[in-house]
Protein backbone atom coordinates (compact mmCIF):
# COMPACT_ATOMS: atom_id res chain seq x y z
CA MET A 1 27.73 32.49 -17.07
CA ARG A 2 27.50 33.82 -20.52
CA GLY A 3 29.50 36.92 -21.19
CA MET A 4 32.34 36.00 -18.87
CA GLN A 5 35.70 34.76 -20.11
CA GLN A 6 35.50 31.03 -19.90
CA ILE A 7 36.97 27.61 -20.60
CA THR A 8 34.65 24.92 -21.93
CA LEU A 9 35.15 21.30 -20.99
CA LEU A 10 33.79 18.76 -23.49
CA ASP A 11 32.98 15.58 -21.66
CA PHE A 12 33.65 12.31 -23.41
CA GLY A 13 32.67 10.25 -20.36
CA ALA A 14 35.52 11.13 -18.06
CA ALA A 15 34.98 10.40 -14.36
CA TYR A 16 37.05 13.41 -13.45
CA THR A 17 35.27 16.11 -15.49
CA GLN A 18 33.56 17.85 -12.56
CA ARG A 19 36.77 17.64 -10.48
CA LEU A 20 38.78 19.29 -13.28
CA ALA A 21 36.15 22.00 -13.67
CA ARG A 22 36.53 22.83 -9.97
CA ILE A 23 40.36 22.84 -10.28
CA ILE A 24 40.07 25.41 -13.08
CA ARG A 25 37.56 27.50 -11.15
CA ASP A 26 39.85 27.43 -8.14
CA ALA A 27 42.48 29.03 -10.41
CA HIS A 28 39.81 31.96 -10.84
CA VAL A 29 38.96 30.89 -14.37
CA TYR A 30 35.27 30.31 -15.18
CA CYS A 31 34.52 27.06 -16.98
CA GLU A 32 31.44 25.21 -18.18
CA VAL A 33 30.89 21.50 -18.90
CA LEU A 34 29.23 20.34 -22.08
CA PRO A 35 28.72 16.77 -23.48
CA TYR A 36 30.80 15.84 -26.55
CA THR A 37 27.50 15.63 -28.40
CA ALA A 38 26.79 19.33 -28.00
CA PRO A 39 26.35 21.07 -31.38
CA LEU A 40 29.33 23.15 -32.45
CA ASP A 41 27.11 26.25 -32.48
CA THR A 42 26.34 25.69 -28.84
CA ILE A 43 30.06 25.27 -27.91
CA MET A 44 31.01 28.40 -29.77
CA ASP A 45 28.02 30.38 -28.33
CA GLY A 46 29.88 30.73 -25.04
CA LYS A 47 32.90 32.31 -26.87
CA PRO A 48 35.37 30.05 -24.91
CA ALA A 49 38.97 31.16 -24.60
CA GLY A 50 39.93 27.54 -24.72
CA LEU A 51 38.48 23.99 -25.07
CA ILE A 52 39.46 20.91 -23.07
CA LEU A 53 38.50 17.45 -24.20
CA CYS A 54 38.01 15.26 -21.15
CA GLY A 55 38.36 11.61 -22.10
CA ASN A 56 37.23 8.26 -20.72
CA GLU A 57 39.06 4.93 -20.44
CA LEU A 58 37.85 3.54 -23.80
CA SER A 59 40.09 2.95 -26.80
CA VAL A 60 39.35 5.36 -29.58
CA ASN A 61 39.02 2.35 -31.88
CA SER A 62 36.46 0.54 -29.69
CA PRO A 63 32.98 -0.07 -31.22
CA GLY A 64 30.77 2.85 -30.32
CA ALA A 65 33.59 4.97 -29.01
CA PRO A 66 32.66 8.70 -28.92
CA HIS A 67 34.07 10.88 -31.65
CA ALA A 68 34.11 14.56 -32.58
CA PRO A 69 33.88 16.29 -36.06
CA GLU A 70 37.13 17.32 -37.59
CA LYS A 71 35.79 20.86 -37.90
CA LEU A 72 35.93 21.09 -34.11
CA PHE A 73 39.68 21.01 -34.30
CA ALA A 74 39.74 23.73 -36.98
CA CYS A 75 37.68 26.26 -34.95
CA GLY A 76 40.70 28.34 -34.10
CA ILE A 77 40.39 28.10 -30.35
CA PRO A 78 43.26 26.76 -28.19
CA MET A 79 42.52 23.14 -27.38
CA LEU A 80 43.81 20.53 -24.84
CA GLY A 81 42.97 16.86 -25.21
CA ILE A 82 43.35 14.82 -22.02
CA GLY A 83 43.54 11.08 -21.93
CA TYR A 84 41.03 9.94 -24.49
CA GLY A 85 41.04 13.49 -25.79
CA LEU A 86 44.74 13.13 -26.73
CA THR A 87 44.24 9.97 -28.85
CA LEU A 88 40.99 11.27 -30.29
CA MET A 89 42.80 14.39 -31.44
CA ALA A 90 45.64 12.39 -32.92
CA GLN A 91 43.42 9.97 -34.85
CA THR A 92 41.02 12.72 -36.07
CA LEU A 93 43.86 14.77 -37.45
CA GLY A 94 45.52 11.93 -39.38
CA GLY A 95 47.74 10.26 -36.78
CA GLU A 96 47.62 6.58 -35.77
CA THR A 97 46.91 4.99 -32.39
CA ARG A 98 47.16 1.54 -30.87
CA HIS A 99 45.72 0.05 -27.67
CA LEU A 100 47.80 -0.16 -24.48
CA GLU A 101 47.32 -2.73 -21.76
CA ALA A 102 46.17 -1.15 -18.42
CA GLU A 103 49.10 -0.60 -16.04
CA GLU A 104 49.19 -0.21 -12.26
CA GLY A 105 51.50 2.03 -10.30
CA GLU A 106 53.26 5.27 -11.29
CA ILE A 107 54.60 6.00 -14.74
CA GLU A 108 57.70 8.18 -15.25
CA VAL A 109 57.46 10.99 -17.81
CA LYS A 110 60.37 13.03 -19.16
CA LEU A 111 60.23 16.18 -21.27
CA ALA A 112 61.67 15.44 -24.72
CA ALA A 113 61.62 18.90 -26.50
CA ASN A 114 60.87 22.52 -25.98
CA SER A 115 57.33 22.61 -24.68
CA THR A 116 54.86 25.46 -24.57
CA LEU A 117 52.49 23.39 -22.49
CA PHE A 118 55.09 22.28 -19.92
CA ALA A 119 57.13 25.51 -19.82
CA LYS A 120 58.77 26.01 -16.42
CA ALA A 121 57.67 22.48 -15.39
CA PRO A 122 60.21 19.93 -13.95
CA ALA A 123 62.10 17.98 -16.57
CA SER A 124 60.71 14.67 -15.20
CA PHE A 125 57.75 13.59 -13.13
CA HIS A 126 55.43 10.66 -12.44
CA VAL A 127 51.71 10.03 -13.18
CA ARG A 128 49.44 7.27 -11.92
CA SER A 129 47.46 6.65 -15.14
CA ARG A 130 47.36 7.44 -18.84
CA ALA A 131 45.13 7.10 -21.89
CA ALA A 132 44.01 3.66 -23.02
CA ASP A 133 45.69 4.18 -26.40
CA HIS A 134 49.21 5.06 -27.50
CA VAL A 135 49.84 7.58 -30.23
CA GLU A 136 51.80 5.43 -32.79
CA ARG A 137 52.25 8.16 -35.37
CA LEU A 138 51.79 11.85 -34.70
CA PRO A 139 49.57 13.98 -36.91
CA ARG A 140 51.23 16.36 -39.31
CA GLY A 141 52.57 19.48 -37.58
CA PHE A 142 52.74 17.95 -34.07
CA THR A 143 55.79 17.36 -31.97
CA ALA A 144 56.17 14.86 -29.11
CA THR A 145 57.29 17.08 -26.26
CA ALA A 146 57.09 14.52 -23.36
CA LEU A 147 57.56 10.75 -23.42
CA CYS A 148 56.83 7.97 -20.95
CA ALA A 149 59.70 5.74 -19.83
CA ASP A 150 58.60 3.04 -22.33
CA GLY A 151 58.75 5.60 -25.19
CA CYS A 152 54.98 6.22 -25.50
CA VAL A 153 53.90 9.75 -26.30
CA PHE A 154 52.73 11.51 -23.15
CA CYS A 155 52.36 14.95 -24.66
CA MET A 156 52.01 16.23 -28.28
CA GLU A 157 51.86 19.81 -29.34
CA ASP A 158 51.21 21.94 -32.40
CA SER A 159 51.82 25.44 -31.09
CA GLN A 160 51.10 27.04 -34.50
CA GLN A 161 47.51 25.80 -34.28
CA ASN A 162 47.36 25.91 -30.49
CA LEU A 163 46.46 22.20 -30.28
CA TYR A 164 47.85 20.21 -27.37
CA GLY A 165 47.33 16.69 -25.94
CA VAL A 166 48.44 14.90 -22.75
CA ALA A 167 47.86 11.31 -21.73
CA ALA A 168 46.74 11.97 -18.09
CA HIS A 169 44.59 14.56 -16.45
CA PRO A 170 45.89 17.26 -14.08
CA GLY A 171 43.72 16.13 -11.27
CA ALA A 172 45.49 12.74 -11.07
CA GLY A 173 48.01 14.21 -8.76
CA GLU A 174 49.29 17.27 -7.16
CA HIS A 175 52.73 17.11 -8.79
CA PRO A 176 54.02 20.64 -9.76
CA ALA A 177 54.24 19.51 -13.38
CA SER A 178 50.43 18.93 -13.50
CA VAL A 179 49.79 22.27 -11.82
CA GLN A 180 52.21 24.12 -14.15
CA MET A 181 50.82 22.45 -17.26
CA LEU A 182 47.27 23.51 -16.55
CA HIS A 183 48.47 27.01 -15.51
CA ASN A 184 50.29 27.36 -18.80
CA PHE A 185 47.29 26.35 -20.81
CA LEU A 186 44.84 28.64 -19.03
CA PHE A 187 47.02 31.74 -18.74
CA SER A 188 49.79 31.62 -21.32
CA ILE A 189 48.12 29.78 -24.15
CA CYS A 190 44.37 30.79 -23.70
CA GLY A 191 45.12 34.28 -22.22
CA CYS A 192 42.77 33.95 -19.28
CA ASP A 193 42.93 36.80 -16.78
CA GLY A 194 41.94 35.03 -13.54
CA GLY A 195 38.89 37.30 -12.99
CA TRP A 196 36.52 34.57 -11.85
CA THR A 197 36.04 35.49 -8.19
CA THR A 198 33.15 35.29 -5.70
CA GLY A 199 32.79 39.02 -5.87
CA ALA A 200 32.66 39.12 -9.67
CA PHE A 201 30.07 36.33 -9.67
CA ILE A 202 27.84 38.15 -7.22
CA ASP A 203 28.00 41.38 -9.25
CA ALA A 204 27.27 39.61 -12.51
CA CYS A 205 24.49 37.50 -10.92
CA VAL A 206 22.72 40.42 -9.38
CA GLN A 207 22.73 42.27 -12.63
CA GLY A 208 21.52 39.15 -14.41
CA ILE A 209 18.57 38.74 -11.98
CA ARG A 210 17.56 42.34 -12.41
CA ASP A 211 17.68 42.06 -16.21
CA ARG A 212 15.54 38.92 -16.17
CA VAL A 213 12.97 39.91 -13.52
CA SER A 214 12.77 43.57 -14.36
CA GLN A 215 9.91 44.88 -12.28
CA GLY A 216 8.39 41.39 -11.70
CA ARG A 217 8.13 39.47 -8.43
CA VAL A 218 9.74 36.24 -7.38
CA LEU A 219 8.42 33.42 -5.24
CA LEU A 220 10.91 31.12 -3.57
CA GLY A 221 10.42 27.90 -1.50
CA LEU A 222 12.82 28.45 1.37
CA SER A 223 13.85 25.14 2.96
CA GLY A 224 16.69 26.45 5.14
CA GLY A 225 19.19 24.44 3.14
CA VAL A 226 22.40 25.96 1.84
CA ASP A 227 21.30 26.32 -1.79
CA SER A 228 17.79 27.81 -1.07
CA ALA A 229 19.25 30.20 1.63
CA VAL A 230 21.98 31.49 -0.67
CA CYS A 231 19.51 31.81 -3.54
CA ALA A 232 17.23 33.88 -1.24
CA ALA A 233 20.09 36.12 -0.20
CA LEU A 234 21.06 36.73 -3.82
CA LEU A 235 17.55 37.43 -4.87
CA HIS A 236 17.06 39.81 -1.95
CA LYS A 237 20.21 41.70 -2.92
CA ALA A 238 18.99 42.04 -6.48
CA ILE A 239 15.27 42.85 -6.10
CA GLY A 240 14.66 43.52 -2.38
CA ASP A 241 11.05 43.38 -1.28
CA ARG A 242 9.84 42.02 -4.64
CA LEU A 243 10.98 38.62 -3.32
CA THR A 244 8.52 36.47 -1.39
CA CYS A 245 9.75 33.38 0.41
CA VAL A 246 7.52 30.54 1.62
CA PHE A 247 8.89 28.52 4.48
CA VAL A 248 7.05 25.33 5.21
CA ASP A 249 8.00 23.83 8.64
CA THR A 250 7.36 20.17 8.14
CA GLY A 251 8.29 19.23 11.73
CA PHE A 252 11.12 17.10 10.34
CA MET A 253 13.87 19.71 10.54
CA ARG A 254 16.86 19.57 12.93
CA LYS A 255 16.90 21.30 16.30
CA GLY A 256 17.00 25.10 16.01
CA GLU A 257 16.64 25.25 12.21
CA PRO A 258 13.12 26.58 11.87
CA GLU A 259 13.98 29.37 14.35
CA GLN A 260 17.20 30.17 12.42
CA VAL A 261 15.34 30.49 9.13
CA ARG A 262 12.85 32.93 10.65
CA GLU A 263 15.50 34.96 12.37
CA VAL A 264 17.87 35.31 9.38
CA PHE A 265 15.17 36.18 6.80
CA THR A 266 13.29 38.62 8.99
CA SER A 267 16.33 40.55 10.30
CA ALA A 268 19.56 40.13 8.35
CA PHE A 269 17.73 39.63 5.00
CA PRO A 270 14.23 41.08 5.67
CA VAL A 271 12.28 39.43 2.88
CA HIS A 272 8.49 38.98 2.76
CA LEU A 273 8.51 35.62 4.61
CA VAL A 274 5.46 33.43 4.79
CA CYS A 275 5.93 30.79 7.50
CA VAL A 276 3.60 27.77 7.54
CA ASP A 277 3.63 25.52 10.64
CA ALA A 278 2.51 22.24 9.15
CA ALA A 279 4.18 19.81 11.51
CA ASP A 280 1.00 18.15 12.65
CA HIS A 281 -0.25 17.80 9.08
CA PHE A 282 2.94 16.13 7.95
CA LEU A 283 2.99 13.81 10.89
CA THR A 284 -0.57 12.80 10.13
CA GLN A 285 0.35 12.00 6.52
CA VAL A 286 3.07 9.50 7.54
CA GLU A 287 1.43 8.07 10.57
CA GLY A 288 1.99 4.31 10.82
CA ILE A 289 4.09 4.16 7.57
CA GLU A 290 7.29 2.21 7.86
CA ASP A 291 8.42 1.98 4.25
CA PRO A 292 10.98 4.86 3.53
CA GLU A 293 9.87 5.31 -0.13
CA ARG A 294 6.23 5.65 0.92
CA LYS A 295 7.36 8.20 3.49
CA ARG A 296 9.17 10.23 0.86
CA LYS A 297 6.24 10.02 -1.51
CA TYR A 298 3.68 11.29 1.02
CA ILE A 299 5.95 13.97 2.40
CA GLY A 300 6.77 15.27 -1.14
CA ALA A 301 3.06 15.31 -2.04
CA ALA A 302 2.16 17.18 1.17
CA PHE A 303 4.84 19.79 0.56
CA ILE A 304 3.66 20.48 -2.98
CA GLU A 305 0.05 20.75 -1.82
CA ILE A 306 0.84 23.32 0.92
CA PHE A 307 3.29 25.30 -1.22
CA ALA A 308 0.72 25.55 -4.03
CA GLN A 309 -1.98 26.71 -1.60
CA GLU A 310 0.28 29.40 -0.27
CA ALA A 311 1.30 30.48 -3.81
CA ARG A 312 -2.32 30.98 -4.81
CA LYS A 313 -3.01 33.12 -1.73
CA LEU A 314 -0.18 35.46 -2.80
CA GLY A 315 -1.75 36.44 -6.06
CA GLN A 316 0.16 36.84 -9.31
CA LEU A 317 3.87 36.24 -9.04
CA GLU A 318 5.67 35.96 -12.27
CA PHE A 319 8.80 34.07 -11.36
CA LEU A 320 9.75 31.05 -9.29
CA GLY A 321 13.18 31.09 -7.69
CA GLN A 322 15.04 27.79 -7.34
CA GLY A 323 18.35 26.80 -5.79
CA THR A 324 19.41 24.56 -8.65
CA ILE A 325 23.19 24.13 -8.74
CA TYR A 326 25.57 23.08 -11.51
CA PRO A 327 25.88 19.37 -10.75
CA ASP A 328 22.07 19.19 -10.91
CA ILE A 329 22.24 20.68 -14.42
CA ILE A 330 25.04 18.30 -15.52
CA GLU A 331 23.48 15.13 -14.06
CA SER A 332 19.86 15.84 -15.11
CA GLY A 333 20.69 15.81 -18.80
CA VAL A 334 19.38 19.30 -19.55
CA LEU A 335 22.53 20.38 -21.36
CA PRO A 336 22.37 20.04 -25.24
CA GLY A 337 22.94 16.39 -26.07
CA ALA A 338 23.63 15.26 -22.52
CA PRO A 339 22.42 11.97 -21.03
CA VAL A 340 20.45 11.78 -17.82
CA ILE A 341 22.57 10.57 -14.93
CA LYS A 342 20.01 11.19 -12.23
CA SER A 343 17.03 13.50 -11.89
CA HIS A 344 17.06 16.54 -9.63
CA HIS A 345 14.35 18.95 -8.58
CA ASN A 346 13.70 21.55 -5.94
CA VAL A 347 10.02 22.37 -6.14
CA GLY A 348 8.61 19.91 -8.60
CA GLY A 349 5.15 18.85 -9.80
CA LEU A 350 3.36 22.13 -9.09
CA PRO A 351 -0.16 22.37 -10.49
CA ASP A 352 -0.60 23.54 -14.10
CA ASP A 353 -2.47 26.69 -13.06
CA LEU A 354 0.64 28.11 -11.39
CA HIS A 355 2.45 29.64 -14.34
CA PHE A 356 5.97 30.62 -13.39
CA ALA A 357 9.15 31.55 -15.25
CA LEU A 358 12.20 30.11 -13.54
CA VAL A 359 14.96 32.14 -11.95
CA GLU A 360 17.99 29.94 -10.97
CA PRO A 361 20.88 32.23 -9.95
CA LEU A 362 23.09 29.35 -8.69
CA ARG A 363 22.75 27.09 -11.74
CA TYR A 364 26.39 27.59 -12.72
CA LEU A 365 27.96 27.02 -9.33
CA PHE A 366 29.36 23.94 -7.53
CA LYS A 367 28.43 23.40 -3.85
CA ASP A 368 31.69 24.81 -2.53
CA GLU A 369 31.19 27.94 -4.62
CA VAL A 370 27.68 28.35 -3.31
CA ARG A 371 29.10 28.26 0.23
CA ARG A 372 31.66 31.01 -0.63
CA VAL A 373 28.89 33.18 -2.05
CA GLY A 374 26.83 32.70 1.07
CA GLU A 375 29.75 33.70 3.24
CA ALA A 376 30.36 36.79 1.05
CA LEU A 377 26.71 37.78 1.34
CA GLY A 378 26.81 37.60 5.15
CA LEU A 379 24.78 34.44 5.87
CA PRO A 380 25.57 32.85 9.24
CA ALA A 381 28.36 30.29 9.10
CA ASP A 382 26.23 27.50 10.51
CA MET A 383 23.70 28.03 7.78
CA VAL A 384 26.37 28.23 5.01
CA TRP A 385 28.11 25.13 6.26
CA ARG A 386 24.86 23.29 7.03
CA GLN A 387 25.23 19.53 6.92
CA PRO A 388 23.71 17.77 3.88
CA PHE A 389 20.10 16.87 4.81
CA PRO A 390 17.62 14.68 2.98
CA GLY A 391 14.51 16.27 1.62
CA PRO A 392 12.16 14.37 4.01
CA GLY A 393 14.46 15.37 6.88
CA LEU A 394 14.33 13.48 10.16
CA ALA A 395 11.47 11.42 8.85
CA VAL A 396 14.00 9.16 7.08
CA ARG A 397 16.31 9.21 10.08
CA VAL A 398 13.66 7.47 12.18
CA ILE A 399 13.70 3.87 11.02
CA GLY A 400 10.18 2.53 10.79
CA ALA A 401 7.01 4.30 11.83
CA ILE A 402 7.31 7.91 13.09
CA THR A 403 6.00 9.32 16.37
CA LYS A 404 6.49 12.70 18.12
CA GLU A 405 8.61 10.90 20.77
CA LYS A 406 10.86 9.34 18.17
CA LEU A 407 11.31 12.65 16.39
CA HIS A 408 12.26 14.29 19.70
CA ILE A 409 14.86 11.59 20.46
CA VAL A 410 16.55 11.70 17.04
CA ARG A 411 16.45 15.61 17.01
CA GLU A 412 18.00 15.92 20.43
CA SER A 413 20.59 13.19 19.72
CA ASP A 414 21.51 14.77 16.41
CA ALA A 415 22.05 18.14 18.05
CA ILE A 416 24.50 16.58 20.55
CA VAL A 417 26.40 14.89 17.68
CA ARG A 418 26.72 18.15 15.79
CA GLU A 419 27.71 20.11 18.93
CA GLU A 420 30.55 17.66 19.81
CA ILE A 421 31.87 17.37 16.24
CA THR A 422 32.03 21.19 16.07
CA ALA A 423 33.58 21.49 19.50
CA ALA A 424 36.29 19.00 18.46
CA GLY A 425 37.08 21.12 15.34
CA LEU A 426 36.06 18.27 12.99
CA ASP A 427 33.07 19.92 11.32
CA ARG A 428 34.94 20.95 8.16
CA SER A 429 36.95 17.71 7.79
CA ILE A 430 34.09 15.23 8.05
CA GLY A 431 31.83 15.25 4.99
CA GLN A 432 28.55 14.35 6.78
CA TYR A 433 27.62 13.36 10.34
CA PHE A 434 24.29 12.78 12.08
CA ALA A 435 22.36 10.65 14.48
CA LEU A 436 19.44 8.30 13.65
CA LEU A 437 17.03 6.18 15.50
CA THR A 438 17.56 2.55 14.58
CA GLY A 439 14.19 1.09 15.41
CA THR A 440 15.87 -1.34 17.78
CA ARG A 441 15.22 -1.44 21.54
CA THR A 442 17.77 -2.94 23.93
CA VAL A 443 18.05 -3.73 27.69
CA GLY A 444 19.81 -1.06 29.72
CA LEU A 445 20.17 0.21 33.26
CA HIS A 446 18.81 3.61 34.32
CA ASP A 447 18.92 4.88 37.93
CA GLY A 448 19.50 1.38 39.17
CA ALA A 449 16.44 -0.05 37.36
CA ARG A 450 16.18 -2.23 34.28
CA SER A 451 15.17 -0.31 31.09
CA TYR A 452 14.21 -1.36 27.60
CA ASP A 453 14.76 1.70 25.47
CA HIS A 454 15.87 2.87 22.01
CA THR A 455 19.20 2.47 20.23
CA VAL A 456 20.68 5.63 18.59
CA ALA A 457 23.27 5.19 15.76
CA ILE A 458 25.91 7.79 14.87
CA ARG A 459 26.93 8.05 11.21
CA ALA A 460 30.01 10.04 10.10
CA VAL A 461 31.68 9.75 6.72
CA THR A 462 34.53 11.38 4.71
CA THR A 463 34.02 11.93 1.06
CA ASP A 464 35.01 14.13 -1.87
CA ASN A 465 31.87 13.55 -3.98
CA PHE A 466 29.26 11.65 -1.94
CA VAL A 467 29.24 8.95 -4.65
CA THR A 468 31.64 6.97 -2.53
CA ALA A 469 32.51 7.51 1.17
CA ASP A 470 34.51 6.04 4.00
CA TRP A 471 33.55 6.01 7.61
CA ALA A 472 35.17 8.82 9.53
CA ARG A 473 37.75 7.85 12.17
CA VAL A 474 36.24 10.05 14.83
CA PRO A 475 38.50 10.12 17.91
CA HIS A 476 37.29 7.77 20.69
CA ASP A 477 37.09 10.53 23.27
CA VAL A 478 34.73 12.47 21.01
CA LEU A 479 32.50 9.38 20.50
CA ALA A 480 32.61 8.78 24.27
CA ARG A 481 31.31 12.32 24.99
CA MET A 482 28.55 11.90 22.40
CA SER A 483 27.40 8.54 23.85
CA ALA A 484 27.58 9.80 27.45
CA ARG A 485 25.55 12.91 26.72
CA ILE A 486 22.91 11.16 24.58
CA VAL A 487 22.09 8.46 27.14
CA ALA A 488 22.17 11.01 30.04
CA GLN A 489 20.26 13.83 28.36
CA VAL A 490 17.79 12.19 25.91
CA PRO A 491 15.04 10.29 27.62
CA GLY A 492 14.23 6.91 26.09
CA VAL A 493 17.77 6.06 24.89
CA SER A 494 19.65 3.09 26.45
CA ARG A 495 22.41 2.51 23.86
CA VAL A 496 24.49 4.35 21.27
CA VAL A 497 26.36 2.64 18.40
CA PHE A 498 28.70 3.95 15.70
CA ASP A 499 28.33 2.93 12.06
CA ILE A 500 31.70 1.80 10.48
CA THR A 501 30.40 0.86 7.01
CA GLY A 502 31.68 2.55 3.84
CA LYS A 503 29.76 3.50 0.72
CA PRO A 504 29.54 1.13 -1.03
CA PRO A 505 28.25 -1.31 0.16
CA ALA A 506 26.10 0.91 2.42
CA SER A 507 24.50 4.16 1.49
CA ILE A 508 25.24 7.26 3.58
CA GLU A 509 21.69 7.57 4.88
CA TRP A 510 20.06 4.43 6.42
CA GLU A 511 16.73 5.02 4.64
């Protein structure tokens, strides 16, 4: 958020950039991520208190290795190069580097001189990785303040110019030395005040919305998901009844969710809420379709059609609110010079005759920060901590063709899974959990008679980033309760199975 004291991370392809950004924000310091290709004017426009160069595993001498202009290092802002950032800094400023062979296991590091960056840190510690290159000769003015056991430079400093480099990133471990190093850079070297808090964000965001919207009106597509709900609550706090929300009930939501959306946004946050019951329409659109991509395509097209119809009925609204969050911005390649990792959209493909200016109050927040804002605004906990849910909803948790009966089975089964996970106190430790209808029928025994009914699968995973995931070790007694309740309480189910496949090779969703 422009105008707030910030740290800027320049990303040279590091896998840990977003993780590091979250570590810094958890220290109550605001930070933004920019690609290394961002123009210097863009970098300086945010008036950063410090710059961090987040590196990759390439050698700085590799063909096509990313570089930075020398004038970046002369901008007068405190700078920390991590991994590749260390060797890039060394080479750019006149030092020499050579390639190191990759190592496995921990590497011992010892402080070798008085260090500003490692002040108050332990005299020795271990790290699990380091830069691909070794600094063979330091640039002029730098001192090696920490060395690896094999004599390689782990940290170099020029405290006169406020330039620092380390061979491994703070997120690689929770050792006190890593924590202290980052703390020293943020607070002692850059002079950050730790004022990035949820309350400060809400105050700044509300004022920013009011400045942008002025006396205009905002239209928001309210899905009931975390991002759109928190976006609606923020917009309501900022502009009150000049917010109109359109909630389209596709018939593919989980049990109790449509009722919750209506209750929360007519009582706790009394917005102008337009509710469209389109369940029958959506079911007709996907009738007989088995291919999951075709399901997604038809559901997306139907949503855009209905949303656009409702927007036209409402007359002239100047702004469209969207629950875009910061990972969407980073991964979609909309930052200056950034590559596209994957495309994101909330309400996309609207007809050309609907002319909106965008309002995206969450565009600088990560998901965990969005949840904290939702809690501070008073949204219900089960809405704030809502499980990740695919856009097409239960339509892609019914494998194969969809019917009302199948939707009822998966909806009731999923409710039981969520109830039991919550009752066992596992809802905050398991990344995602749900039930799905497998499309397989099996022989069973109900009330002493042979049955040939559906098989429900339970999926539960633990993950930090949803890029990779492991299957959750749900206690057997919890699984037993889920299974017993589903086969006893959900008509048409004869068998329950538990998915024990990680990601990769499997995806988290089945479709």
